[in-house]
Amino acid sequence: MAVPKRKMSRSNTRHRRAQWKASPPALVPIAVDGSVYQVPRRLVKAYQRGLLAPEG
């Protein structure tokens, strides 16, 4: 495991963390009961099996 040789300053730490950005999930169209819904790819099987109710 990498171990830093020196302590990183608070300013550098915060500047590094500020670069991280969350991205919205990629939505894919699925058909449930004849209606088309946009859902995240990882939840497609749950919607098809009826474990989650589509909104809208």
PDB file of N, CA and C in Angstrom:
ATOM      1  N   MET A   1       0.842  -1.180   0.000  1.00  0.00           N
ATOM      2  CA  MET A   1       0.000   0.000   0.000  1.00  0.00           C
ATOM      3  C   MET A   1       0.886   1.242   0.000  1.00  0.00           C
ATOM      4  N   ALA A   2       0.508   2.238  -0.750  1.00  0.00           N
ATOM      5  CA  ALA A   2       1.289   3.467  -0.820  1.00  0.00           C
ATOM      6  C   ALA A   2       1.142   4.263   0.470  1.00  0.00           C
ATOM      7  N   VAL A   3       2.278   4.722   0.982  1.00  0.00           N
ATOM      8  CA  VAL A   3       2.282   5.519   2.205  1.00  0.00           C
ATOM      9  C   VAL A   3       2.943   6.849   1.889  1.00  0.00           C
ATOM     10  N   PRO A   4       2.281   7.971   2.195  1.00  0.00           N
ATOM     11  CA  PRO A   4       2.893   9.264   1.891  1.00  0.00           C
ATOM     12  C   PRO A   4       4.115   9.530   2.754  1.00  0.00           C
ATOM     13  N   LYS A   5       5.129  10.148   2.151  1.00  0.00           N
ATOM     14  CA  LYS A   5       6.338  10.470   2.907  1.00  0.00           C
ATOM     15  C   LYS A   5       6.146  11.701   3.769  1.00  0.00           C
ATOM     16  N   ARG A   6       5.251  12.577   3.341  1.00  0.00           N
ATOM     17  CA  ARG A   6       5.035  13.810   4.093  1.00  0.00           C
ATOM     18  C   ARG A   6       3.540  14.066   4.268  1.00  0.00           C
ATOM     19  N   LYS A   7       3.221  14.824   5.294  1.00  0.00           N
ATOM     20  CA  LYS A   7       1.835  15.183   5.546  1.00  0.00           C
ATOM     21  C   LYS A   7       1.346  16.130   4.450  1.00  0.00           C
ATOM     22  N   MET A   8       0.158  15.865   3.939  1.00  0.00           N
ATOM     23  CA  MET A   8      -0.421  16.736   2.920  1.00  0.00           C
ATOM     24  C   MET A   8      -1.169  17.866   3.619  1.00  0.00           C
ATOM     25  N   SER A   9      -0.968  19.069   3.156  1.00  0.00           N
ATOM     26  CA  SER A   9      -1.591  20.230   3.795  1.00  0.00           C
ATOM     27  C   SER A   9      -3.106  20.189   3.635  1.00  0.00           C
ATOM     28  N   ARG A  10      -3.777  20.876   4.513  1.00  0.00           N
ATOM     29  CA  ARG A  10      -5.243  20.951   4.455  1.00  0.00           C
ATOM     30  C   ARG A  10      -5.694  21.570   3.137  1.00  0.00           C
ATOM     31  N   SER A  11      -4.990  22.591   2.690  1.00  0.00           N
ATOM     32  CA  SER A  11      -5.345  23.264   1.442  1.00  0.00           C
ATOM     33  C   SER A  11      -5.240  22.302   0.254  1.00  0.00           C
ATOM     34  N   ASN A  12      -4.134  21.560   0.190  1.00  0.00           N
ATOM     35  CA  ASN A  12      -3.968  20.610  -0.923  1.00  0.00           C
ATOM     36  C   ASN A  12      -5.005  19.503  -0.859  1.00  0.00           C
ATOM     37  N   THR A  13      -5.310  19.043   0.326  1.00  0.00           N
ATOM     38  CA  THR A  13      -6.305  17.989   0.479  1.00  0.00           C
ATOM     39  C   THR A  13      -7.656  18.465  -0.026  1.00  0.00           C
ATOM     40  N   ARG A  14      -8.045  19.646   0.359  1.00  0.00           N
ATOM     41  CA  ARG A  14      -9.355  20.168  -0.043  1.00  0.00           C
ATOM     42  C   ARG A  14      -9.411  20.468  -1.531  1.00  0.00           C
ATOM     43  N   HIS A  15      -8.311  20.928  -2.100  1.00  0.00           N
ATOM     44  CA  HIS A  15      -8.295  21.166  -3.545  1.00  0.00           C
ATOM     45  C   HIS A  15      -8.421  19.848  -4.302  1.00  0.00           C
ATOM     46  N   ARG A  16      -7.784  18.805  -3.815  1.00  0.00           N
ATOM     47  CA  ARG A  16      -7.874  17.504  -4.468  1.00  0.00           C
ATOM     48  C   ARG A  16      -9.299  16.961  -4.372  1.00  0.00           C
ATOM     49  N   ARG A  17      -9.902  17.051  -3.201  1.00  0.00           N
ATOM     50  CA  ARG A  17     -11.244  16.522  -3.013  1.00  0.00           C
ATOM     51  C   ARG A  17     -12.280  17.307  -3.810  1.00  0.00           C
ATOM     52  N   ALA A  18     -12.028  18.577  -4.054  1.00  0.00           N
ATOM     53  CA  ALA A  18     -12.994  19.416  -4.760  1.00  0.00           C
ATOM     54  C   ALA A  18     -13.114  19.034  -6.238  1.00  0.00           C
ATOM     55  N   GLN A  19     -12.152  18.269  -6.760  1.00  0.00           N
ATOM     56  CA  GLN A  19     -12.188  17.889  -8.172  1.00  0.00           C
ATOM     57  C   GLN A  19     -13.175  16.754  -8.441  1.00  0.00           C
ATOM     58  N   TRP A  20     -13.562  16.010  -7.388  1.00  0.00           N
ATOM     59  CA  TRP A  20     -14.448  14.879  -7.563  1.00  0.00           C
ATOM     60  C   TRP A  20     -15.869  15.359  -7.826  1.00  0.00           C
ATOM     61  N   LYS A  21     -16.510  14.804  -8.832  1.00  0.00           N
ATOM     62  CA  LYS A  21     -17.878  15.189  -9.162  1.00  0.00           C
ATOM     63  C   LYS A  21     -18.715  13.926  -9.338  1.00  0.00           C
ATOM     64  N   ALA A  22     -19.895  13.926  -8.792  1.00  0.00           N
ATOM     65  CA  ALA A  22     -20.811  12.804  -8.989  1.00  0.00           C
ATOM     66  C   ALA A  22     -21.475  12.957 -10.355  1.00  0.00           C
ATOM     67  N   SER A  23     -21.657  11.847 -11.040  1.00  0.00           N
ATOM     68  CA  SER A  23     -22.324  11.898 -12.340  1.00  0.00           C
ATOM     69  C   SER A  23     -23.677  11.191 -12.229  1.00  0.00           C
ATOM     70  N   PRO A  24     -24.677  11.695 -12.941  1.00  0.00           N
ATOM     71  CA  PRO A  24     -25.992  11.051 -12.878  1.00  0.00           C
ATOM     72  C   PRO A  24     -25.927   9.665 -13.519  1.00  0.00           C
ATOM     73  N   PRO A  25     -26.760   8.724 -13.065  1.00  0.00           N
ATOM     74  CA  PRO A  25     -26.735   7.385 -13.644  1.00  0.00           C
ATOM     75  C   PRO A  25     -27.231   7.390 -15.089  1.00  0.00           C
ATOM     76  N   ALA A  26     -26.635   6.535 -15.889  1.00  0.00           N
ATOM     77  CA  ALA A  26     -27.065   6.412 -17.283  1.00  0.00           C
ATOM     78  C   ALA A  26     -28.406   5.680 -17.303  1.00  0.00           C
ATOM     79  N   LEU A  27     -29.400   6.287 -17.929  1.00  0.00           N
ATOM     80  CA  LEU A  27     -30.735   5.691 -17.980  1.00  0.00           C
ATOM     81  C   LEU A  27     -30.937   4.953 -19.298  1.00  0.00           C
ATOM     82  N   VAL A  28     -31.613   3.817 -19.216  1.00  0.00           N
ATOM     83  CA  VAL A  28     -31.924   3.030 -20.412  1.00  0.00           C
ATOM     84  C   VAL A  28     -33.438   2.834 -20.475  1.00  0.00           C
ATOM     85  N   PRO A  29     -34.002   2.806 -21.670  1.00  0.00           N
ATOM     86  CA  PRO A  29     -35.452   2.602 -21.786  1.00  0.00           C
ATOM     87  C   PRO A  29     -35.819   1.136 -21.616  1.00  0.00           C
ATOM     88  N   ILE A  30     -36.878   0.866 -20.843  1.00  0.00           N
ATOM     89  CA  ILE A  30     -37.421  -0.489 -20.729  1.00  0.00           C
ATOM     90  C   ILE A  30     -38.934  -0.400 -20.854  1.00  0.00           C
ATOM     91  N   ALA A  31     -39.542  -1.485 -21.304  1.00  0.00           N
ATOM     92  CA  ALA A  31     -40.996  -1.539 -21.437  1.00  0.00           C
ATOM     93  C   ALA A  31     -41.561  -2.403 -20.320  1.00  0.00           C
ATOM     94  N   VAL A  32     -42.462  -1.825 -19.518  1.00  0.00           N
ATOM     95  CA  VAL A  32     -43.136  -2.548 -18.444  1.00  0.00           C
ATOM     96  C   VAL A  32     -44.629  -2.368 -18.647  1.00  0.00           C
ATOM     97  N   ASP A  33     -45.330  -3.463 -18.868  1.00  0.00           N
ATOM     98  CA  ASP A  33     -46.782  -3.435 -19.094  1.00  0.00           C
ATOM     99  C   ASP A  33     -47.171  -2.509 -20.245  1.00  0.00           C
ATOM    100  N   GLY A  34     -46.383  -2.500 -21.290  1.00  0.00           N
ATOM    101  CA  GLY A  34     -46.698  -1.705 -22.474  1.00  0.00           C
ATOM    102  C   GLY A  34     -46.280  -0.253 -22.401  1.00  0.00           C
ATOM    103  N   SER A  35     -45.739   0.191 -21.279  1.00  0.00           N
ATOM    104  CA  SER A  35     -45.270   1.568 -21.146  1.00  0.00           C
ATOM    105  C   SER A  35     -43.747   1.572 -21.112  1.00  0.00           C
ATOM    106  N   VAL A  36     -43.156   2.619 -21.672  1.00  0.00           N
ATOM    107  CA  VAL A  36     -41.699   2.731 -21.714  1.00  0.00           C
ATOM    108  C   VAL A  36     -41.247   3.675 -20.603  1.00  0.00           C
ATOM    109  N   TYR A  37     -40.270   3.220 -19.826  1.00  0.00           N
ATOM    110  CA  TYR A  37     -39.722   3.999 -18.726  1.00  0.00           C
ATOM    111  C   TYR A  37     -38.216   4.107 -18.874  1.00  0.00           C
ATOM    112  N   GLN A  38     -37.650   5.184 -18.357  1.00  0.00           N
ATOM    113  CA  GLN A  38     -36.201   5.367 -18.317  1.00  0.00           C
ATOM    114  C   GLN A  38     -35.731   5.004 -16.913  1.00  0.00           C
ATOM    115  N   VAL A  39     -34.906   3.963 -16.798  1.00  0.00           N
ATOM    116  CA  VAL A  39     -34.431   3.514 -15.491  1.00  0.00           C
ATOM    117  C   VAL A  39     -32.919   3.282 -15.548  1.00  0.00           C
ATOM    118  N   PRO A  40     -32.233   3.339 -14.397  1.00  0.00           N
ATOM    119  CA  PRO A  40     -30.799   3.024 -14.380  1.00  0.00           C
ATOM    120  C   PRO A  40     -30.566   1.576 -14.812  1.00  0.00           C
ATOM    121  N   ARG A  41     -29.472   1.340 -15.501  1.00  0.00           N
ATOM    122  CA  ARG A  41     -29.184   0.016 -16.049  1.00  0.00           C
ATOM    123  C   ARG A  41     -29.122  -1.052 -14.960  1.00  0.00           C
ATOM    124  N   ARG A  42     -28.608  -0.715 -13.788  1.00  0.00           N
ATOM    125  CA  ARG A  42     -28.449  -1.726 -12.743  1.00  0.00           C
ATOM    126  C   ARG A  42     -29.776  -2.138 -12.110  1.00  0.00           C
ATOM    127  N   LEU A  43     -30.866  -1.393 -12.395  1.00  0.00           N
ATOM    128  CA  LEU A  43     -32.163  -1.725 -11.820  1.00  0.00           C
ATOM    129  C   LEU A  43     -33.138  -2.322 -12.829  1.00  0.00           C
ATOM    130  N   VAL A  44     -32.673  -2.583 -14.059  1.00  0.00           N
ATOM    131  CA  VAL A  44     -33.568  -3.076 -15.108  1.00  0.00           C
ATOM    132  C   VAL A  44     -34.230  -4.390 -14.698  1.00  0.00           C
ATOM    133  N   LYS A  45     -33.453  -5.348 -14.183  1.00  0.00           N
ATOM    134  CA  LYS A  45     -34.024  -6.650 -13.822  1.00  0.00           C
ATOM    135  C   LYS A  45     -35.039  -6.518 -12.696  1.00  0.00           C
ATOM    136  N   ALA A  46     -34.794  -5.627 -11.746  1.00  0.00           N
ATOM    137  CA  ALA A  46     -35.726  -5.441 -10.638  1.00  0.00           C
ATOM    138  C   ALA A  46     -37.063  -4.912 -11.146  1.00  0.00           C
ATOM    139  N   TYR A  47     -37.034  -3.992 -12.108  1.00  0.00           N
ATOM    140  CA  TYR A  47     -38.280  -3.474 -12.681  1.00  0.00           C
ATOM    141  C   TYR A  47     -38.992  -4.551 -13.488  1.00  0.00           C
ATOM    142  N   GLN A  48     -38.247  -5.341 -14.247  1.00  0.00           N
ATOM    143  CA  GLN A  48     -38.861  -6.377 -15.069  1.00  0.00           C
ATOM    144  C   GLN A  48     -39.496  -7.472 -14.223  1.00  0.00           C
ATOM    145  N   ARG A  49     -38.917  -7.759 -13.075  1.00  0.00           N
ATOM    146  CA  ARG A  49     -39.452  -8.798 -12.197  1.00  0.00           C
ATOM    147  C   ARG A  49     -40.575  -8.285 -11.308  1.00  0.00           C
ATOM    148  N   GLY A  50     -40.785  -6.977 -11.307  1.00  0.00           N
ATOM    149  CA  GLY A  50     -41.857  -6.404 -10.500  1.00  0.00           C
ATOM    150  C   GLY A  50     -41.456  -6.102  -9.078  1.00  0.00           C
ATOM    151  N   LEU A  51     -40.167  -6.116  -8.772  1.00  0.00           N
ATOM    152  CA  LEU A  51     -39.693  -5.812  -7.429  1.00  0.00           C
ATOM    153  C   LEU A  51     -39.772  -4.313  -7.129  1.00  0.00           C
ATOM    154  N   LEU A  52     -39.671  -3.501  -8.184  1.00  0.00           N
ATOM    155  CA  LEU A  52     -39.801  -2.044  -8.047  1.00  0.00           C
ATOM    156  C   LEU A  52     -40.935  -1.578  -8.953  1.00  0.00           C
ATOM    157  N   ALA A  53     -41.691  -0.618  -8.456  1.00  0.00           N
ATOM    158  CA  ALA A  53     -42.792  -0.073  -9.254  1.00  0.00           C
ATOM    159  C   ALA A  53     -42.287   1.145 -10.029  1.00  0.00           C
ATOM    160  N   PRO A  54     -42.494   1.184 -11.351  1.00  0.00           N
ATOM    161  CA  PRO A  54     -42.044   2.348 -12.131  1.00  0.00           C
ATOM    162  C   PRO A  54     -42.851   3.591 -11.755  1.00  0.00           C
ATOM    163  N   GLU A  55     -42.163   4.715 -11.692  1.00  0.00           N
ATOM    164  CA  GLU A  55     -42.808   5.982 -11.371  1.00  0.00           C
ATOM    165  C   GLU A  55     -43.260   6.675 -12.641  1.00  0.00           C
ATOM    166  N   GLY A  56     -44.322   7.389 -12.558  1.00  0.00           N
ATOM    167  CA  GLY A  56     -44.722   8.196 -13.695  1.00  0.00           C
ATOM    168  C   GLY A  56     -45.945   7.758 -14.364  1.00  0.00           C
TER     169      GLY A  56
END
